Amino acid sequence: MKLVHIPIIIKNILANLRFLCRYNIEDIIKNEASVTVPLKQNKYASKKDLIELFFSSKPLESLQYQEELFFLKEHGIVDAFPYQQIKRTSPRPCNYDSKIKLPFIIHKNKKLYFPANWDIDRVKETYTNYIERENLLGGGYTKKAPHQYQTDNFKIEKDDILLDIGCAEALLALDNIEILKKAYLFESDEQWIKPLQATFAQYKDKVTIISKFVSNINSNTTITLNSILENIKNESFFIKMDIEGEEENVLKSSETFLTSQNNIKLACCTYHKANHAESISHYLKRINYDVSFSDGFMLFLLDTNFTPPYFRKGIIRGRKR
């Protein structure tokens, strides 16, 4: 241990002792429900306490998350991203298309459609969250951006083929539609199919919408990447994957494709499961991908297995060697 760290550790220990005085530790040890029961009453506030309580007894581990813990202390849990807002996006026109009965918002002078049962306020709020808090398209809207798919050196480039697996509204595809050679949009949730068809109506020559799960078999509800792309050679691919915790399974079931193509960039969510950052990283390295992670950490608040250390890496980026 370097001597320079000792004052920081002592400071953390003293702060942790002060924090622990707020709790009856004996009751917590005897009855775990004293911590978990309040989650049902006020999940954000109690999850904040749960995180602080854990790190109060882990001064060395807390050093890795000092910025995130300070944000929680000052602001509480705002959302999945424990980072300060730096700037805002300008308001975008948003309206209802009475002809096809869908709401939309304007992105890059194009209509991005949403499900029929969404009202205008929900569309505006969701789109703004995509841009400002999730930083899906970059832009530096928050101090760190753990859910950002691309960087200056790792991005969709001209004539790439995009595989957007779990695309929802397909904002990433629309943002890059002019430079893409082809886009395959995979979305198993039926509520998104009509909006996707409306958004990309004028790009039918380069956009294929597939309303199935990506899997290791072909069936009425599932499809393999190999079956779609087996005859496509010597192309460059950008794969974006956000499929609610099934990322590792889909990667492994698509190994033939991932190893047979020479030019692949992959941006894959790792925050849905506590171990995915480590296990997916290990898998990609094994099949000869160079990997890196997005900046910062996320709190996946919807996970029923909300366990220490709570903070998770958001996106792993892999490039075929």
Foldseek 3Di string as FASTA:
>chain_A
DDPVCVVVLVVLLVVLVVLCVVDPVVVCVVDVCVLVVCCVVPVQQSVLVVLSNVCSVVSPVCVVVVQLNVLCVVPTDPDFASWAFDDFDDQWDWDADPVLQWIFTADPNATQTAFNPDDRVVRRVVVRCVCQVQVCVPDCRTVFHLNHQADPVRDDAAAAEEEEAQQQSVPVCLVCVVRYQAYEAEAQDVRRPVSNCVRCVVPPVHYHYHNAHDALDDDPHYDHPCVVCVPPADHAYEYEEDDQPCQVRNCVSHVVVVLPHAHYKYKYFQPNDACRVPVVVVVLVVSAKDKDFGPFWTQPSPDPCCDPPRTHRTIMMITHD
